[in-house]
Protein backbone atom coordinates (compact mmCIF):
# COMPACT_ATOMS: atom_id res chain seq x y z
CA ALA A 1 -11.45 13.89 -8.74
CA ALA A 2 -8.97 13.22 -5.96
CA SER A 3 -8.27 16.93 -5.46
CA ASP A 4 -11.80 17.59 -4.16
CA VAL A 5 -11.50 15.04 -1.32
CA TYR A 6 -11.68 16.61 2.15
CA LYS A 7 -9.85 13.76 3.90
CA ARG A 8 -8.77 10.24 2.90
CA GLN A 9 -8.41 7.33 5.32
CA VAL A 10 -6.28 4.37 4.23
CA LEU A 11 -5.96 0.80 5.49
CA ALA A 12 -2.89 -0.97 4.07
CA VAL A 13 -2.96 -4.79 4.03
CA PRO A 14 0.01 -6.96 2.97
CA VAL A 15 -1.02 -9.76 0.59
CA ASN A 16 0.83 -12.64 -1.06
CA VAL A 17 -0.93 -13.31 -4.37
CA PRO A 18 -0.83 -17.05 -5.19
CA ALA A 19 1.29 -18.07 -8.19
CA GLY A 20 -1.86 -19.21 -9.99
CA GLY A 21 -3.44 -15.77 -9.62
CA ALA A 22 -6.32 -14.62 -7.50
CA SER A 23 -9.35 -12.39 -7.32
CA LEU A 24 -10.20 -10.09 -4.44
CA ARG A 25 -13.89 -9.78 -3.60
CA THR A 26 -15.43 -7.25 -1.25
CA ALA A 27 -18.19 -4.63 -1.29
CA VAL A 28 -18.64 -0.96 -0.44
CA ALA A 29 -21.49 1.00 1.14
CA VAL A 30 -22.46 4.17 2.93
CA HIS A 31 -24.22 3.46 6.24
CA PRO A 32 -28.02 3.96 5.99
CA ARG A 33 -27.91 6.41 8.91
CA ARG A 34 -25.89 8.77 6.67
CA TRP A 35 -28.40 8.69 3.81
CA PHE A 36 -30.61 11.37 5.34
CA LYS A 37 -28.15 13.39 7.44
CA LEU A 38 -27.34 16.95 6.53
CA PRO A 39 -25.07 18.35 5.49
CA ALA A 40 -24.71 15.57 2.97
CA SER A 41 -21.33 14.16 1.92
CA TRP A 42 -20.40 11.80 -0.87
CA VAL A 43 -17.81 9.11 -0.15
CA ASP A 44 -15.09 7.97 -2.55
CA PHE A 45 -13.88 4.38 -2.30
CA ARG A 46 -10.52 3.43 -3.79
CA MET A 47 -8.40 0.28 -3.86
CA VAL A 48 -4.73 0.56 -4.84
CA VAL A 49 -2.25 -2.26 -5.49
CA ARG A 50 1.16 -1.10 -4.27
CA THR A 51 4.40 -2.90 -5.12
CA PRO A 52 7.97 -1.60 -4.72
CA GLU A 53 7.83 -0.58 -8.41
CA GLU A 54 4.38 0.99 -8.75
CA ALA A 55 1.02 1.95 -7.30
CA GLN A 56 -1.97 1.13 -9.48
CA THR A 57 -5.58 2.05 -8.75
CA VAL A 58 -7.69 -1.05 -9.44
CA PHE A 59 -11.07 0.17 -8.12
CA GLU A 60 -12.75 3.55 -7.66
CA ARG A 61 -16.35 4.47 -6.94
CA ARG A 62 -18.10 7.53 -5.51
CA LEU A 63 -21.38 7.05 -3.63
CA HIS A 64 -23.70 9.93 -2.73
CA PRO A 65 -26.80 8.22 -1.27
CA THR A 66 -28.35 11.45 0.05
CA ASN A 67 -28.71 12.75 -3.53
CA ARG A 68 -28.80 9.50 -5.54
CA LEU A 69 -31.25 6.72 -4.63
CA GLU A 70 -29.28 4.26 -6.77
CA ASP A 71 -26.26 4.73 -4.42
CA ARG A 72 -28.14 3.23 -1.45
CA GLY A 73 -27.06 -0.31 -0.65
CA TRP A 74 -24.02 -2.55 -0.91
CA PHE A 75 -22.04 -2.63 -4.17
CA GLU A 76 -19.89 -5.65 -4.95
CA VAL A 77 -16.25 -5.26 -5.91
CA ASP A 78 -14.32 -7.97 -7.78
CA VAL A 79 -10.70 -7.19 -8.64
CA ASP A 80 -8.49 -9.50 -10.69
CA LEU A 81 -5.05 -9.76 -9.07
CA GLY A 82 -3.75 -12.04 -11.85
CA PRO A 83 -1.24 -9.45 -13.12
CA TRP A 84 0.50 -9.72 -9.71
CA ALA A 85 0.47 -13.55 -9.50
CA GLY A 86 3.24 -14.87 -7.27
CA GLN A 87 4.05 -11.42 -5.84
CA ALA A 88 3.95 -9.90 -2.38
CA LEU A 89 2.15 -6.56 -2.45
CA THR A 90 0.13 -4.16 -0.36
CA LEU A 91 -3.56 -3.53 -0.95
CA GLU A 92 -4.69 -0.09 0.13
CA PHE A 93 -8.40 0.26 0.90
CA SER A 94 -9.38 3.89 1.32
CA THR A 95 -12.33 6.20 1.70
CA GLY A 96 -12.39 9.91 1.07
CA ALA A 97 -15.20 12.33 1.76
CA GLU A 98 -16.56 15.63 0.52
CA ASN A 99 -16.52 17.17 4.00
CA VAL A 100 -15.95 16.39 7.67
CA HIS A 101 -19.44 14.86 7.94
CA GLY A 102 -18.43 11.96 5.70
CA THR A 103 -15.11 11.14 7.37
CA SER A 104 -16.39 9.21 10.39
CA LEU A 105 -15.42 5.55 10.38
CA TRP A 106 -19.14 4.85 10.94
CA SER A 107 -20.18 6.69 7.76
CA ALA A 108 -19.02 4.24 5.10
CA GLY A 109 -16.90 1.19 4.66
CA TRP A 110 -15.71 -1.95 2.97
CA ALA A 111 -17.05 -5.46 3.50
CA ARG A 112 -14.56 -8.07 4.69
CA PRO A 113 -12.30 -8.76 1.68
CA ARG A 114 -11.88 -12.33 0.44
CA LEU A 115 -8.91 -13.51 -1.61
CA LEU A 116 -10.04 -16.27 -3.98
CA GLY A 117 -7.48 -18.35 -5.85
CA ALA A 118 -7.62 -20.89 -8.67
CA GLU A 119 -8.70 -23.57 -6.15
CA ASP A 120 -11.86 -21.50 -5.60
CA GLY A 121 -12.73 -21.61 -9.29
CA VAL A 122 -11.43 -18.13 -10.14
CA GLY A 123 -10.52 -18.04 -13.80
CA ASP A 124 -12.23 -21.38 -14.43
CA PRO A 125 -15.36 -20.89 -16.59
CA GLY A 126 -16.88 -23.99 -15.04
CA GLY A 127 -16.24 -22.91 -11.44
CA PRO A 128 -18.23 -20.71 -9.08
CA GLY A 129 -15.96 -17.66 -9.60
């Protein structure tokens, strides 16, 4: 729940989605040094597509690697931007934490995002996407 987030940090990135559509691929993780630190803090990851007309959350995940072994590691994210084909928009990548101990920029983060279009095989069952 967004209301239980101590602090949210947002990076806004302008993107022109190709007319043929695209997929955005990245990953999220909590740094291994935070897995065993106390007090523990979960981290919420969220990606929002923002246009002049709307803001739509397209990805959300909460990781709590101190308490959940299955939350340790990188987790791939693949978001279809086809509904916004041919549009200029802003992608907001954000993290939110349970407490001040999870808000450091060194605690958790996103992998470098990659925008893959039709030429990369996205949407083509025979392609690599």
